Amino acid sequence: MTAPASLSAQEVAARIGASFGKQAFMATLGAKLLRVAPGEVDIELPVSPHLCQQHGFVHAGAVSSIADSACGYAALTTMPGGAGILTAEFKINLLAPAAGERLIARGKVIKAGRTLTLAMAEVFAEAKGVSKLCALMTATCMTIAGRDGVSD
């Protein structure tokens, strides 16, 4: 996957970083943008008690949130300047408890289109240097442009 014809890889990475920085919810969770490449985005979530459910595992809502953002930002890397992305639909499979020191959501575009883009994210829980797949998301993202309130 390559950067959109109108933007360089550095411009795409800067665009994603600026947009991610505007996401107050990601900041509330403590999520950080780890890597941006054409068609791919990785997001890190350090595990802390305020993210955990009653059994001590990271809540599915937090897992889903970083997976959704990883999918959406991976899709945005394929869009021309001025176009945005909204998630239209997603499905998540929670495969194992999300436990450890940090979670990594690795988003990847499966098929980019003008209107709809299909992306997936794998979420890995890392504990003591061991990485375990704990969730898998597929997402359909919709290209948006020229709408009130929509910007990069």
N, C-alpha and C. Protein backbone atom coordinates (compact mmCIF):
# COMPACT_ATOMS: atom_id res chain seq x y z
N MET A 1 0.85 -1.17 0.00
CA MET A 1 0.00 0.00 0.00
C MET A 1 0.90 1.23 0.00
N THR A 2 0.57 2.22 -0.77
CA THR A 2 1.35 3.45 -0.82
C THR A 2 0.51 4.62 -0.32
N ALA A 3 1.21 5.72 -0.03
CA ALA A 3 0.52 6.93 0.41
C ALA A 3 -0.32 7.46 -0.75
N PRO A 4 -1.40 8.21 -0.44
CA PRO A 4 -2.19 8.81 -1.51
C PRO A 4 -1.31 9.66 -2.41
N ALA A 5 -1.63 9.70 -3.70
CA ALA A 5 -0.80 10.40 -4.68
C ALA A 5 -0.55 11.85 -4.29
N SER A 6 -1.49 12.49 -3.62
CA SER A 6 -1.35 13.90 -3.30
C SER A 6 -0.53 14.16 -2.05
N LEU A 7 -0.19 13.13 -1.26
CA LEU A 7 0.53 13.31 -0.01
C LEU A 7 1.75 12.40 0.08
N SER A 8 2.84 12.91 0.64
CA SER A 8 4.02 12.08 0.87
C SER A 8 3.80 11.24 2.13
N ALA A 9 4.63 10.22 2.32
CA ALA A 9 4.51 9.37 3.51
C ALA A 9 4.68 10.20 4.78
N GLN A 10 5.57 11.19 4.75
CA GLN A 10 5.77 12.05 5.92
C GLN A 10 4.54 12.92 6.18
N GLU A 11 3.92 13.41 5.11
CA GLU A 11 2.70 14.21 5.27
C GLU A 11 1.56 13.37 5.82
N VAL A 12 1.46 12.14 5.36
CA VAL A 12 0.43 11.23 5.87
C VAL A 12 0.65 10.98 7.35
N ALA A 13 1.89 10.68 7.75
CA ALA A 13 2.20 10.42 9.16
C ALA A 13 1.90 11.65 10.02
N ALA A 14 2.24 12.84 9.53
CA ALA A 14 1.96 14.08 10.27
C ALA A 14 0.46 14.30 10.38
N ARG A 15 -0.26 14.02 9.32
CA ARG A 15 -1.73 14.17 9.31
C ARG A 15 -2.37 13.24 10.33
N ILE A 16 -1.93 11.99 10.36
CA ILE A 16 -2.47 11.02 11.31
C ILE A 16 -2.13 11.44 12.74
N GLY A 17 -0.89 11.86 12.95
CA GLY A 17 -0.47 12.29 14.29
C GLY A 17 -1.28 13.48 14.78
N ALA A 18 -1.52 14.46 13.92
CA ALA A 18 -2.30 15.64 14.30
C ALA A 18 -3.74 15.25 14.62
N SER A 19 -4.34 14.38 13.81
CA SER A 19 -5.70 13.95 14.05
C SER A 19 -5.80 13.14 15.35
N PHE A 20 -4.86 12.23 15.56
CA PHE A 20 -4.85 11.42 16.77
C PHE A 20 -4.74 12.31 18.01
N GLY A 21 -3.95 13.37 17.90
CA GLY A 21 -3.78 14.30 19.01
C GLY A 21 -5.05 15.03 19.40
N LYS A 22 -6.01 15.08 18.49
CA LYS A 22 -7.30 15.74 18.76
C LYS A 22 -8.29 14.80 19.46
N GLN A 23 -7.96 13.53 19.56
CA GLN A 23 -8.90 12.56 20.13
C GLN A 23 -8.79 12.54 21.65
N ALA A 24 -9.65 13.28 22.28
CA ALA A 24 -9.63 13.36 23.74
C ALA A 24 -9.86 11.99 24.38
N PHE A 25 -10.67 11.16 23.75
CA PHE A 25 -10.95 9.85 24.35
C PHE A 25 -9.70 8.97 24.37
N MET A 26 -8.91 9.02 23.30
CA MET A 26 -7.66 8.25 23.30
C MET A 26 -6.74 8.75 24.41
N ALA A 27 -6.70 10.07 24.62
CA ALA A 27 -5.89 10.63 25.71
C ALA A 27 -6.43 10.17 27.07
N THR A 28 -7.75 10.14 27.22
CA THR A 28 -8.35 9.68 28.47
C THR A 28 -7.95 8.24 28.77
N LEU A 29 -7.94 7.40 27.73
CA LEU A 29 -7.53 6.01 27.91
C LEU A 29 -6.03 5.88 28.18
N GLY A 30 -5.25 6.85 27.68
CA GLY A 30 -3.79 6.76 27.79
C GLY A 30 -3.16 6.14 26.56
N ALA A 31 -3.92 6.04 25.47
CA ALA A 31 -3.43 5.42 24.23
C ALA A 31 -2.45 6.35 23.53
N LYS A 32 -1.49 5.74 22.84
CA LYS A 32 -0.47 6.49 22.12
C LYS A 32 -0.33 5.92 20.70
N LEU A 33 -0.10 6.82 19.77
CA LEU A 33 0.16 6.43 18.39
C LEU A 33 1.59 5.91 18.35
N LEU A 34 1.76 4.68 17.89
CA LEU A 34 3.07 4.04 17.92
C LEU A 34 3.75 4.04 16.56
N ARG A 35 2.99 3.76 15.50
CA ARG A 35 3.58 3.62 14.16
C ARG A 35 2.53 3.96 13.12
N VAL A 36 3.00 4.68 12.07
CA VAL A 36 2.15 4.99 10.91
C VAL A 36 2.93 4.62 9.66
N ALA A 37 2.31 3.83 8.81
CA ALA A 37 2.87 3.45 7.51
C ALA A 37 1.70 3.41 6.54
N PRO A 38 1.96 3.47 5.24
CA PRO A 38 0.84 3.41 4.29
C PRO A 38 -0.03 2.17 4.52
N GLY A 39 -1.30 2.42 4.83
CA GLY A 39 -2.24 1.33 5.05
C GLY A 39 -2.13 0.65 6.40
N GLU A 40 -1.28 1.17 7.30
CA GLU A 40 -1.08 0.52 8.60
C GLU A 40 -0.89 1.55 9.71
N VAL A 41 -1.46 1.26 10.87
CA VAL A 41 -1.28 2.10 12.05
C VAL A 41 -1.26 1.19 13.28
N ASP A 42 -0.32 1.46 14.19
CA ASP A 42 -0.25 0.75 15.47
C ASP A 42 -0.53 1.74 16.59
N ILE A 43 -1.34 1.31 17.55
CA ILE A 43 -1.67 2.11 18.72
C ILE A 43 -1.36 1.29 19.97
N GLU A 44 -0.71 1.96 20.92
CA GLU A 44 -0.34 1.32 22.19
C GLU A 44 -1.25 1.81 23.29
N LEU A 45 -1.62 0.89 24.19
CA LEU A 45 -2.40 1.23 25.36
C LEU A 45 -1.73 0.62 26.59
N PRO A 46 -1.06 1.45 27.40
CA PRO A 46 -0.51 0.92 28.65
C PRO A 46 -1.67 0.49 29.55
N VAL A 47 -1.55 -0.68 30.15
CA VAL A 47 -2.60 -1.20 31.01
C VAL A 47 -2.50 -0.53 32.38
N SER A 48 -3.64 -0.07 32.88
CA SER A 48 -3.70 0.49 34.22
C SER A 48 -5.05 0.10 34.84
N PRO A 49 -5.13 0.13 36.17
CA PRO A 49 -6.35 -0.33 36.85
C PRO A 49 -7.63 0.37 36.39
N HIS A 50 -7.57 1.65 36.00
CA HIS A 50 -8.80 2.35 35.62
C HIS A 50 -9.38 1.86 34.30
N LEU A 51 -8.65 1.01 33.57
CA LEU A 51 -9.14 0.45 32.31
C LEU A 51 -9.70 -0.96 32.48
N CYS A 52 -9.62 -1.50 33.67
CA CYS A 52 -9.95 -2.91 33.88
C CYS A 52 -11.38 -3.12 34.37
N GLN A 53 -11.89 -4.29 34.02
CA GLN A 53 -13.21 -4.69 34.48
C GLN A 53 -13.06 -5.46 35.80
N GLN A 54 -14.14 -6.04 36.28
CA GLN A 54 -14.19 -6.63 37.61
C GLN A 54 -13.25 -7.82 37.83
N HIS A 55 -12.79 -8.47 36.75
CA HIS A 55 -11.88 -9.61 36.87
C HIS A 55 -10.42 -9.20 36.72
N GLY A 56 -10.18 -7.91 36.47
CA GLY A 56 -8.81 -7.43 36.34
C GLY A 56 -8.29 -7.39 34.92
N PHE A 57 -9.11 -7.75 33.95
CA PHE A 57 -8.72 -7.69 32.54
C PHE A 57 -9.10 -6.32 31.97
N VAL A 58 -8.40 -5.89 30.93
CA VAL A 58 -8.77 -4.63 30.28
C VAL A 58 -10.18 -4.78 29.72
N HIS A 59 -11.00 -3.78 30.00
CA HIS A 59 -12.40 -3.79 29.58
C HIS A 59 -12.50 -3.87 28.06
N ALA A 60 -13.47 -4.63 27.58
CA ALA A 60 -13.68 -4.79 26.14
C ALA A 60 -13.91 -3.46 25.44
N GLY A 61 -14.48 -2.48 26.14
CA GLY A 61 -14.69 -1.16 25.56
C GLY A 61 -13.38 -0.47 25.22
N ALA A 62 -12.39 -0.61 26.07
CA ALA A 62 -11.06 -0.03 25.81
C ALA A 62 -10.37 -0.78 24.68
N VAL A 63 -10.48 -2.10 24.69
CA VAL A 63 -9.89 -2.92 23.62
C VAL A 63 -10.52 -2.54 22.29
N SER A 64 -11.84 -2.45 22.25
CA SER A 64 -12.55 -2.08 21.02
C SER A 64 -12.18 -0.68 20.55
N SER A 65 -12.01 0.23 21.48
CA SER A 65 -11.69 1.62 21.11
C SER A 65 -10.35 1.74 20.41
N ILE A 66 -9.32 1.07 20.92
CA ILE A 66 -8.02 1.18 20.25
C ILE A 66 -8.01 0.43 18.93
N ALA A 67 -8.75 -0.68 18.86
CA ALA A 67 -8.85 -1.43 17.60
C ALA A 67 -9.56 -0.58 16.54
N ASP A 68 -10.66 0.07 16.94
CA ASP A 68 -11.41 0.92 16.02
C ASP A 68 -10.55 2.07 15.51
N SER A 69 -9.82 2.71 16.40
CA SER A 69 -8.95 3.82 15.98
C SER A 69 -7.83 3.32 15.07
N ALA A 70 -7.27 2.15 15.36
CA ALA A 70 -6.22 1.60 14.50
C ALA A 70 -6.76 1.32 13.10
N CYS A 71 -7.96 0.77 13.01
CA CYS A 71 -8.59 0.53 11.70
C CYS A 71 -8.84 1.85 10.98
N GLY A 72 -9.45 2.79 11.68
CA GLY A 72 -9.81 4.07 11.06
C GLY A 72 -8.59 4.84 10.58
N TYR A 73 -7.56 4.88 11.39
CA TYR A 73 -6.36 5.61 10.97
C TYR A 73 -5.60 4.88 9.87
N ALA A 74 -5.62 3.56 9.88
CA ALA A 74 -5.02 2.83 8.75
C ALA A 74 -5.76 3.20 7.47
N ALA A 75 -7.09 3.26 7.54
CA ALA A 75 -7.89 3.65 6.37
C ALA A 75 -7.59 5.08 5.95
N LEU A 76 -7.41 5.98 6.93
CA LEU A 76 -7.14 7.38 6.60
C LEU A 76 -5.81 7.55 5.87
N THR A 77 -4.87 6.66 6.11
CA THR A 77 -3.58 6.77 5.39
C THR A 77 -3.74 6.61 3.89
N THR A 78 -4.85 6.03 3.45
CA THR A 78 -5.07 5.80 2.02
C THR A 78 -5.90 6.91 1.37
N MET A 79 -6.36 7.89 2.17
CA MET A 79 -7.25 8.93 1.66
C MET A 79 -6.46 10.17 1.23
N PRO A 80 -6.98 10.87 0.23
CA PRO A 80 -6.34 12.13 -0.18
C PRO A 80 -6.58 13.20 0.89
N GLY A 81 -5.76 14.25 0.88
CA GLY A 81 -5.95 15.37 1.79
C GLY A 81 -7.35 15.93 1.66
N GLY A 82 -7.94 16.34 2.78
CA GLY A 82 -9.28 16.90 2.75
C GLY A 82 -10.38 15.87 2.96
N ALA A 83 -10.06 14.60 2.80
CA ALA A 83 -11.05 13.53 3.04
C ALA A 83 -10.83 12.99 4.44
N GLY A 84 -11.92 12.60 5.07
CA GLY A 84 -11.85 12.00 6.39
C GLY A 84 -12.44 10.60 6.36
N ILE A 85 -12.47 9.97 7.50
CA ILE A 85 -12.96 8.60 7.64
C ILE A 85 -13.88 8.53 8.85
N LEU A 86 -14.97 7.83 8.71
CA LEU A 86 -15.82 7.47 9.84
C LEU A 86 -16.06 5.96 9.80
N THR A 87 -16.06 5.34 10.95
CA THR A 87 -16.40 3.92 11.01
C THR A 87 -17.89 3.76 10.78
N ALA A 88 -18.25 2.93 9.82
CA ALA A 88 -19.65 2.65 9.54
C ALA A 88 -20.12 1.38 10.25
N GLU A 89 -19.19 0.46 10.46
CA GLU A 89 -19.55 -0.83 11.07
C GLU A 89 -18.28 -1.50 11.53
N PHE A 90 -18.34 -2.22 12.65
CA PHE A 90 -17.23 -3.09 13.02
C PHE A 90 -17.73 -4.32 13.75
N LYS A 91 -16.89 -5.34 13.71
CA LYS A 91 -17.14 -6.59 14.44
C LYS A 91 -15.85 -6.92 15.16
N ILE A 92 -15.97 -7.25 16.42
CA ILE A 92 -14.78 -7.62 17.18
C ILE A 92 -14.97 -9.00 17.79
N ASN A 93 -13.93 -9.79 17.69
CA ASN A 93 -13.87 -11.08 18.36
C ASN A 93 -12.88 -10.94 19.50
N LEU A 94 -13.34 -11.18 20.72
CA LEU A 94 -12.47 -11.15 21.89
C LEU A 94 -11.99 -12.57 22.11
N LEU A 95 -10.72 -12.79 21.82
CA LEU A 95 -10.18 -14.15 21.75
C LEU A 95 -9.56 -14.65 23.04
N ALA A 96 -9.09 -13.73 23.86
CA ALA A 96 -8.44 -14.09 25.13
C ALA A 96 -8.52 -12.87 26.05
N PRO A 97 -8.42 -13.09 27.35
CA PRO A 97 -8.43 -11.93 28.25
C PRO A 97 -7.29 -10.96 27.90
N ALA A 98 -7.61 -9.68 27.95
CA ALA A 98 -6.62 -8.64 27.67
C ALA A 98 -5.93 -8.31 28.99
N ALA A 99 -4.78 -8.92 29.22
CA ALA A 99 -4.06 -8.74 30.48
C ALA A 99 -2.57 -8.63 30.18
N GLY A 100 -1.90 -7.80 30.93
CA GLY A 100 -0.46 -7.63 30.77
C GLY A 100 -0.07 -6.21 31.08
N GLU A 101 1.10 -5.81 30.55
CA GLU A 101 1.59 -4.45 30.78
C GLU A 101 1.05 -3.46 29.76
N ARG A 102 0.83 -3.94 28.53
CA ARG A 102 0.32 -3.04 27.50
C ARG A 102 -0.40 -3.85 26.43
N LEU A 103 -1.27 -3.12 25.69
CA LEU A 103 -1.94 -3.69 24.52
C LEU A 103 -1.42 -2.95 23.30
N ILE A 104 -1.29 -3.66 22.20
CA ILE A 104 -0.93 -3.06 20.92
C ILE A 104 -2.00 -3.42 19.91
N ALA A 105 -2.64 -2.40 19.33
CA ALA A 105 -3.61 -2.62 18.25
C ALA A 105 -2.90 -2.33 16.94
N ARG A 106 -2.87 -3.30 16.05
CA ARG A 106 -2.22 -3.17 14.74
C ARG A 106 -3.29 -3.14 13.67
N GLY A 107 -3.56 -1.94 13.15
CA GLY A 107 -4.57 -1.77 12.11
C GLY A 107 -3.96 -1.89 10.74
N LYS A 108 -4.72 -2.48 9.82
CA LYS A 108 -4.23 -2.69 8.45
C LYS A 108 -5.40 -2.62 7.48
N VAL A 109 -5.19 -1.92 6.37
CA VAL A 109 -6.21 -1.86 5.32
C VAL A 109 -6.20 -3.16 4.53
N ILE A 110 -7.38 -3.71 4.34
CA ILE A 110 -7.54 -4.92 3.53
C ILE A 110 -7.87 -4.53 2.10
N LYS A 111 -8.81 -3.58 1.93
CA LYS A 111 -9.16 -3.08 0.60
C LYS A 111 -9.62 -1.64 0.73
N ALA A 112 -8.92 -0.76 0.05
CA ALA A 112 -9.28 0.66 0.06
C ALA A 112 -10.13 0.98 -1.16
N GLY A 113 -11.20 1.72 -0.94
CA GLY A 113 -12.05 2.15 -2.03
C GLY A 113 -12.31 3.64 -1.94
N ARG A 114 -12.99 4.19 -2.93
CA ARG A 114 -13.31 5.62 -2.90
C ARG A 114 -14.31 5.96 -1.82
N THR A 115 -15.27 5.08 -1.58
CA THR A 115 -16.33 5.35 -0.60
C THR A 115 -16.18 4.49 0.65
N LEU A 116 -15.92 3.21 0.48
CA LEU A 116 -15.78 2.29 1.61
C LEU A 116 -14.41 1.65 1.62
N THR A 117 -13.85 1.53 2.81
CA THR A 117 -12.56 0.88 2.99
C THR A 117 -12.73 -0.19 4.06
N LEU A 118 -12.23 -1.38 3.78
CA LEU A 118 -12.27 -2.47 4.74
C LEU A 118 -10.91 -2.55 5.42
N ALA A 119 -10.94 -2.55 6.75
CA ALA A 119 -9.70 -2.65 7.53
C ALA A 119 -9.87 -3.71 8.61
N MET A 120 -8.75 -4.13 9.15
CA MET A 120 -8.78 -5.07 10.27
C MET A 120 -7.76 -4.61 11.30
N ALA A 121 -7.96 -5.03 12.52
CA ALA A 121 -6.98 -4.78 13.58
C ALA A 121 -6.84 -6.04 14.42
N GLU A 122 -5.60 -6.33 14.74
CA GLU A 122 -5.30 -7.37 15.71
C GLU A 122 -4.84 -6.65 16.96
N VAL A 123 -5.34 -7.08 18.11
CA VAL A 123 -4.92 -6.50 19.37
C VAL A 123 -4.15 -7.56 20.14
N PHE A 124 -2.94 -7.19 20.53
CA PHE A 124 -2.06 -8.09 21.26
C PHE A 124 -1.88 -7.59 22.69
N ALA A 125 -1.96 -8.50 23.65
CA ALA A 125 -1.65 -8.20 25.05
C ALA A 125 -0.21 -8.65 25.29
N GLU A 126 0.60 -7.74 25.80
CA GLU A 126 2.00 -8.06 26.08
C GLU A 126 2.22 -8.14 27.58
N ALA A 127 2.78 -9.27 28.01
CA ALA A 127 3.08 -9.50 29.42
C ALA A 127 4.43 -10.19 29.53
N LYS A 128 5.35 -9.58 30.26
CA LYS A 128 6.67 -10.15 30.51
C LYS A 128 7.36 -10.55 29.21
N GLY A 129 7.25 -9.70 28.19
CA GLY A 129 7.92 -9.92 26.92
C GLY A 129 7.23 -10.90 25.98
N VAL A 130 6.08 -11.42 26.39
CA VAL A 130 5.32 -12.36 25.57
C VAL A 130 4.08 -11.65 25.04
N SER A 131 3.86 -11.79 23.74
CA SER A 131 2.73 -11.15 23.07
C SER A 131 1.68 -12.21 22.73
N LYS A 132 0.42 -11.92 23.12
CA LYS A 132 -0.67 -12.87 22.86
C LYS A 132 -1.82 -12.14 22.17
N LEU A 133 -2.31 -12.72 21.06
CA LEU A 133 -3.45 -12.16 20.36
C LEU A 133 -4.68 -12.26 21.26
N CYS A 134 -5.31 -11.10 21.54
CA CYS A 134 -6.48 -11.14 22.42
C CYS A 134 -7.76 -10.67 21.73
N ALA A 135 -7.63 -9.99 20.57
CA ALA A 135 -8.84 -9.54 19.87
C ALA A 135 -8.55 -9.35 18.39
N LEU A 136 -9.60 -9.50 17.59
CA LEU A 136 -9.52 -9.30 16.15
C LEU A 136 -10.75 -8.51 15.72
N MET A 137 -10.52 -7.40 15.02
CA MET A 137 -11.63 -6.56 14.56
C MET A 137 -11.59 -6.46 13.05
N THR A 138 -12.76 -6.46 12.43
CA THR A 138 -12.90 -6.04 11.05
C THR A 138 -13.79 -4.81 11.07
N ALA A 139 -13.47 -3.83 10.23
CA ALA A 139 -14.22 -2.58 10.22
C ALA A 139 -14.44 -2.10 8.80
N THR A 140 -15.61 -1.55 8.57
CA THR A 140 -15.91 -0.87 7.33
C THR A 140 -15.88 0.62 7.63
N CYS A 141 -15.02 1.33 6.90
CA CYS A 141 -14.86 2.77 7.11
C CYS A 141 -15.38 3.51 5.89
N MET A 142 -16.06 4.62 6.14
CA MET A 142 -16.69 5.41 5.09
C MET A 142 -15.88 6.68 4.88
N THR A 143 -15.58 6.98 3.63
CA THR A 143 -14.91 8.23 3.27
C THR A 143 -15.89 9.38 3.41
N ILE A 144 -15.44 10.45 4.05
CA ILE A 144 -16.28 11.64 4.17
C ILE A 144 -15.47 12.86 3.73
N ALA A 145 -16.14 13.77 3.07
CA ALA A 145 -15.51 15.03 2.64
C ALA A 145 -16.59 16.07 2.43
N GLY A 146 -16.23 17.32 2.66
CA GLY A 146 -17.16 18.40 2.38
C GLY A 146 -18.36 18.46 3.32
N ARG A 147 -18.24 17.90 4.52
CA ARG A 147 -19.34 17.94 5.49
C ARG A 147 -18.95 18.89 6.62
N ASP A 148 -19.93 19.53 7.21
CA ASP A 148 -19.69 20.42 8.34
C ASP A 148 -19.00 19.67 9.46
N GLY A 149 -17.98 20.28 10.04
CA GLY A 149 -17.28 19.69 11.17
C GLY A 149 -16.29 18.62 10.82
N VAL A 150 -16.13 18.29 9.54
CA VAL A 150 -15.21 17.23 9.15
C VAL A 150 -13.93 17.85 8.61
N SER A 151 -12.84 17.46 9.23
CA SER A 151 -11.53 17.85 8.75
C SER A 151 -10.57 16.71 9.05
N ASP A 152 -9.35 16.84 8.60
CA ASP A 152 -8.35 15.81 8.89
C ASP A 152 -8.31 15.59 10.35
